[in-house]
Amino acid sequence: MTARMPLMSHLVELRSRIIKAIVAVAIGSVVGVIFYRRILEVLAEPYVNATDQQLAFFQPTEPFSLALRVGLFGGTILASPVIIYQVWRFVGPALTQRERRYVYPLSGVMALLFAAGIVLGYYTLPLALRVLFSFGEGILEETVGVNFYFSFAMRFLLAFGAAFQFPVFLFAAAALGIVSSQALRRQRRWAVVFVVFAAALMTPGGDPLTLMMLATPMYLLYELSILSIRYILRR
């Protein structure tokens, strides 16, 4: 175990990691703004597929503000591996040499899982929109403001990306000796309840179809975590 750092050193280290993460997001956001039209088209495609209509804007400043928001969203996605790495680098000094060897692999796995969650959310989004719009079918016309839609879509995608991170935290907890594969197997029933509850909180639309599309892979990842802890950590 490394020697304990004084509080001021922790604060300086935290500031350094935050600055590096912000710089990564800023650089990624510049790239996102440059390619915002393409990102905009990709994010709007689920809405177009669900409604056969184009998104609308109601104020002259909306396209400009949207370009900045889309750029920031794209920048955050691009910078996510750096952000994850900085988090692990910050907690690294508190880990033993044996635990620290998992930092690099876990950083890569977290980035891959985050990307996988975003991709799954993207392909789930049109189905969620169709379900939500079906409640007004024949009565209401789907005319959605572009700012409202992109707020919804970004929260939706980030919810999927964040949900896919929890197996890594289970693995990290097992590496620290907090949980074991046997304990996780005994708690399967509670895991199902927690996964469904978490999926309900993280799903912006709140419809059962989207909830199950998020909850099912989350539970499968829970089972994968048990196998990883058992055969990699031998716990």
Protein backbone atom coordinates (compact mmCIF):
# COMPACT_ATOMS: atom_id res chain seq x y z
CA MET A 1 0.00 0.00 0.00
CA THR A 2 1.36 3.42 -0.88
CA ALA A 3 1.93 6.03 1.82
CA ARG A 4 -1.02 8.23 2.68
CA MET A 5 -1.14 11.55 0.86
CA PRO A 6 -1.98 14.73 2.81
CA LEU A 7 -5.34 16.36 2.10
CA MET A 8 -3.81 19.23 0.12
CA SER A 9 -1.99 16.77 -2.15
CA HIS A 10 -5.29 14.99 -2.78
CA LEU A 11 -6.94 18.29 -3.71
CA VAL A 12 -4.08 19.21 -6.04
CA GLU A 13 -4.25 15.78 -7.67
CA LEU A 14 -8.04 16.07 -8.01
CA ARG A 15 -7.70 19.50 -9.62
CA SER A 16 -5.13 18.17 -12.06
CA ARG A 17 -7.37 15.26 -13.07
CA ILE A 18 -10.42 17.51 -13.48
CA ILE A 19 -8.46 19.97 -15.63
CA LYS A 20 -7.23 17.17 -17.88
CA ALA A 21 -10.77 15.82 -18.23
CA ILE A 22 -12.11 19.30 -19.06
CA VAL A 23 -9.37 19.84 -21.65
CA ALA A 24 -10.27 16.48 -23.25
CA VAL A 25 -13.96 17.46 -23.36
CA ALA A 26 -13.07 20.88 -24.81
CA ILE A 27 -10.96 19.34 -27.57
CA GLY A 28 -13.65 16.77 -28.28
CA SER A 29 -16.30 19.52 -28.34
CA VAL A 30 -14.35 21.44 -30.99
CA VAL A 31 -14.37 18.29 -33.11
CA GLY A 32 -18.06 17.84 -32.33
CA VAL A 33 -18.93 21.38 -33.43
CA ILE A 34 -16.95 20.92 -36.66
CA PHE A 35 -18.95 17.78 -37.47
CA TYR A 36 -22.17 18.83 -35.74
CA ARG A 37 -24.26 18.59 -38.92
CA ARG A 38 -23.37 14.93 -39.33
CA ILE A 39 -23.96 14.27 -35.61
CA LEU A 40 -27.25 16.13 -35.90
CA GLU A 41 -28.35 13.95 -38.79
CA VAL A 42 -27.43 10.77 -36.93
CA LEU A 43 -29.26 11.83 -33.75
CA ALA A 44 -32.32 13.00 -35.69
CA GLU A 45 -32.60 9.76 -37.68
CA PRO A 46 -34.51 7.83 -34.95
CA TYR A 47 -37.15 10.59 -34.86
CA VAL A 48 -37.43 10.68 -38.66
CA ASN A 49 -37.75 6.88 -38.76
CA ALA A 50 -40.43 6.90 -36.07
CA THR A 51 -42.56 9.74 -37.51
CA ASP A 52 -41.55 10.30 -41.16
CA GLN A 53 -41.28 13.99 -40.26
CA GLN A 54 -38.48 16.49 -39.78
CA LEU A 55 -37.82 18.16 -36.45
CA ALA A 56 -38.98 21.77 -36.03
CA PHE A 57 -37.44 24.80 -34.35
CA PHE A 58 -39.42 27.74 -32.99
CA GLN A 59 -36.81 30.42 -32.27
CA PRO A 60 -34.11 31.92 -34.56
CA THR A 61 -31.36 31.13 -32.03
CA GLU A 62 -32.22 27.45 -31.63
CA PRO A 63 -30.04 26.08 -34.47
CA PHE A 64 -26.98 27.92 -33.12
CA SER A 65 -27.51 26.84 -29.50
CA LEU A 66 -28.21 23.33 -30.70
CA ALA A 67 -24.89 23.22 -32.58
CA LEU A 68 -23.09 24.05 -29.31
CA ARG A 69 -25.03 21.45 -27.34
CA VAL A 70 -24.48 18.76 -29.97
CA GLY A 71 -20.79 19.65 -30.03
CA LEU A 72 -20.57 19.33 -26.24
CA PHE A 73 -22.42 16.01 -26.34
CA GLY A 74 -20.12 14.66 -29.05
CA GLY A 75 -17.10 16.00 -27.19
CA THR A 76 -18.14 14.24 -24.00
CA ILE A 77 -18.54 10.95 -25.86
CA LEU A 78 -15.15 11.34 -27.54
CA ALA A 79 -13.49 12.30 -24.26
CA SER A 80 -15.11 9.49 -22.22
CA PRO A 81 -12.02 7.21 -22.34
CA VAL A 82 -9.88 10.07 -21.02
CA ILE A 83 -12.43 10.90 -18.31
CA ILE A 84 -12.60 7.27 -17.21
CA TYR A 85 -8.81 7.00 -17.17
CA GLN A 86 -8.47 10.17 -15.06
CA VAL A 87 -10.95 8.81 -12.52
CA TRP A 88 -8.96 5.61 -12.17
CA ARG A 89 -5.68 7.51 -11.96
CA PHE A 90 -7.11 9.56 -9.10
CA VAL A 91 -8.21 6.52 -7.08
CA GLY A 92 -5.05 4.58 -8.02
CA PRO A 93 -2.89 5.71 -5.07
CA ALA A 94 -5.46 4.24 -2.65
CA LEU A 95 -5.11 0.80 -4.24
CA THR A 96 -2.59 -1.92 -3.55
CA GLN A 97 -0.09 -2.95 -6.22
CA ARG A 98 -2.21 -6.04 -6.95
CA GLU A 99 -5.39 -3.97 -7.29
CA ARG A 100 -3.68 -1.31 -9.39
CA ARG A 101 -2.93 -3.76 -12.18
CA TYR A 102 -6.64 -3.80 -13.02
CA VAL A 103 -6.75 -0.03 -13.66
CA TYR A 104 -5.81 -0.14 -17.35
CA PRO A 105 -8.00 -3.13 -18.29
CA LEU A 106 -10.99 -1.73 -16.37
CA SER A 107 -10.56 1.67 -18.04
CA GLY A 108 -10.72 0.02 -21.44
CA VAL A 109 -13.69 -2.15 -20.47
CA MET A 110 -15.58 0.87 -19.10
CA ALA A 111 -15.01 2.80 -22.34
CA LEU A 112 -16.18 -0.18 -24.42
CA LEU A 113 -19.24 -0.75 -22.24
CA PHE A 114 -20.13 2.94 -22.39
CA ALA A 115 -19.91 2.86 -26.18
CA ALA A 116 -21.96 -0.36 -26.28
CA GLY A 117 -24.64 1.25 -24.11
CA ILE A 118 -24.78 4.29 -26.40
CA VAL A 119 -25.13 2.06 -29.48
CA LEU A 120 -27.89 -0.04 -27.89
CA GLY A 121 -29.68 3.11 -26.77
CA TYR A 122 -29.48 4.53 -30.28
CA TYR A 123 -31.13 1.47 -31.83
CA THR A 124 -33.70 1.36 -29.03
CA LEU A 125 -34.64 5.04 -29.38
CA PRO A 126 -36.93 4.68 -32.47
CA LEU A 127 -38.91 1.93 -30.74
CA ALA A 128 -39.28 4.06 -27.62
CA LEU A 129 -40.47 7.01 -29.70
CA ARG A 130 -43.04 4.90 -31.54
CA VAL A 131 -44.45 3.63 -28.25
CA LEU A 132 -44.61 7.13 -26.77
CA PHE A 133 -46.16 8.67 -29.89
CA SER A 134 -48.70 5.86 -30.15
CA PHE A 135 -50.59 7.30 -27.15
CA GLY A 136 -51.51 10.34 -29.23
CA GLU A 137 -52.07 8.54 -32.52
CA GLY A 138 -55.16 9.75 -34.36
CA ILE A 139 -55.63 12.60 -31.89
CA LEU A 140 -52.37 14.57 -31.84
CA GLU A 141 -49.82 15.42 -34.52
CA GLU A 142 -46.15 14.76 -33.83
CA THR A 143 -44.52 18.19 -34.01
CA VAL A 144 -41.57 18.13 -31.63
CA GLY A 145 -39.21 21.02 -31.01
CA VAL A 146 -35.62 20.23 -31.89
CA ASN A 147 -34.24 21.41 -28.52
CA PHE A 148 -36.69 19.28 -26.56
CA TYR A 149 -36.01 16.23 -28.73
CA PHE A 150 -32.25 16.45 -28.42
CA SER A 151 -32.46 16.91 -24.66
CA PHE A 152 -34.56 13.75 -24.54
CA ALA A 153 -32.30 11.82 -26.95
CA MET A 154 -29.09 12.81 -25.16
CA ARG A 155 -30.47 11.82 -21.75
CA PHE A 156 -31.73 8.58 -23.27
CA LEU A 157 -28.35 7.64 -24.78
CA LEU A 158 -26.35 8.70 -21.73
CA ALA A 159 -28.68 6.66 -19.50
CA PHE A 160 -27.88 3.54 -21.53
CA GLY A 161 -24.16 4.34 -21.50
CA ALA A 162 -24.15 4.90 -17.73
CA ALA A 163 -26.23 1.79 -17.03
CA PHE A 164 -23.63 -0.37 -18.74
CA GLN A 165 -20.97 0.74 -16.25
CA PHE A 166 -22.30 -1.05 -13.18
CA PRO A 167 -20.59 -4.44 -13.91
CA VAL A 168 -17.23 -2.69 -13.71
CA PHE A 169 -18.07 -1.38 -10.25
CA LEU A 170 -19.10 -4.87 -9.17
CA PHE A 171 -15.77 -6.21 -10.45
CA ALA A 172 -13.89 -3.41 -8.67
CA ALA A 173 -15.79 -4.10 -5.45
CA ALA A 174 -14.84 -7.78 -5.74
CA ALA A 175 -11.20 -6.85 -6.37
CA LEU A 176 -11.29 -4.85 -3.12
CA GLY A 177 -12.78 -7.82 -1.28
CA ILE A 178 -16.17 -6.17 -0.68
CA VAL A 179 -18.25 -8.76 -2.57
CA SER A 180 -17.71 -12.23 -4.01
CA SER A 181 -19.25 -14.23 -6.82
CA GLN A 182 -21.05 -16.44 -4.30
CA ALA A 183 -22.61 -13.42 -2.60
CA LEU A 184 -23.75 -12.03 -5.94
CA ARG A 185 -25.29 -15.39 -6.90
CA ARG A 186 -27.23 -15.47 -3.63
CA GLN A 187 -28.58 -11.97 -4.29
CA ARG A 188 -29.94 -12.64 -7.80
CA ARG A 189 -33.54 -11.91 -6.79
CA TRP A 190 -32.61 -8.57 -5.30
CA ALA A 191 -30.43 -7.88 -8.33
CA VAL A 192 -33.47 -8.26 -10.60
CA VAL A 193 -35.42 -5.79 -8.45
CA PHE A 194 -32.52 -3.33 -8.41
CA VAL A 195 -31.94 -3.60 -12.17
CA VAL A 196 -35.61 -2.99 -12.99
CA PHE A 197 -35.80 -0.10 -10.53
CA ALA A 198 -32.59 1.47 -11.86
CA ALA A 199 -33.74 1.02 -15.45
CA ALA A 200 -37.05 2.72 -14.61
CA LEU A 201 -35.22 5.69 -13.10
CA MET A 202 -32.78 5.99 -15.98
CA THR A 203 -35.31 5.63 -18.81
CA PRO A 204 -36.55 9.13 -19.76
CA GLY A 205 -39.64 7.88 -21.58
CA GLY A 206 -40.82 5.61 -18.78
CA ASP A 207 -42.53 3.14 -21.13
CA PRO A 208 -42.31 -0.60 -20.28
CA LEU A 209 -40.75 -1.56 -23.63
CA THR A 210 -37.77 0.78 -23.21
CA LEU A 211 -37.45 -0.24 -19.56
CA MET A 212 -37.12 -3.91 -20.49
CA MET A 213 -34.71 -3.13 -23.33
CA LEU A 214 -32.43 -1.51 -20.76
CA ALA A 215 -33.06 -3.90 -17.87
CA THR A 216 -32.42 -7.10 -19.86
CA PRO A 217 -28.82 -6.33 -20.92
CA MET A 218 -28.14 -4.88 -17.46
CA TYR A 219 -29.09 -8.19 -15.86
CA LEU A 220 -27.06 -10.14 -18.42
CA LEU A 221 -24.09 -7.94 -17.53
CA TYR A 222 -24.74 -8.77 -13.87
CA GLU A 223 -24.41 -12.47 -14.67
CA LEU A 224 -21.29 -11.75 -16.73
CA SER A 225 -19.85 -9.92 -13.72
CA ILE A 226 -20.36 -13.02 -11.58
CA LEU A 227 -18.45 -15.14 -14.10
CA SER A 228 -15.67 -12.57 -14.40
CA ILE A 229 -15.25 -12.34 -10.64
CA ARG A 230 -15.23 -16.11 -10.28
CA TYR A 231 -12.80 -16.99 -13.06
CA ILE A 232 -10.57 -13.88 -13.19
CA LEU A 233 -10.39 -12.89 -9.51
CA ARG A 234 -11.04 -16.43 -8.20
CA ARG A 235 -13.48 -15.03 -5.63
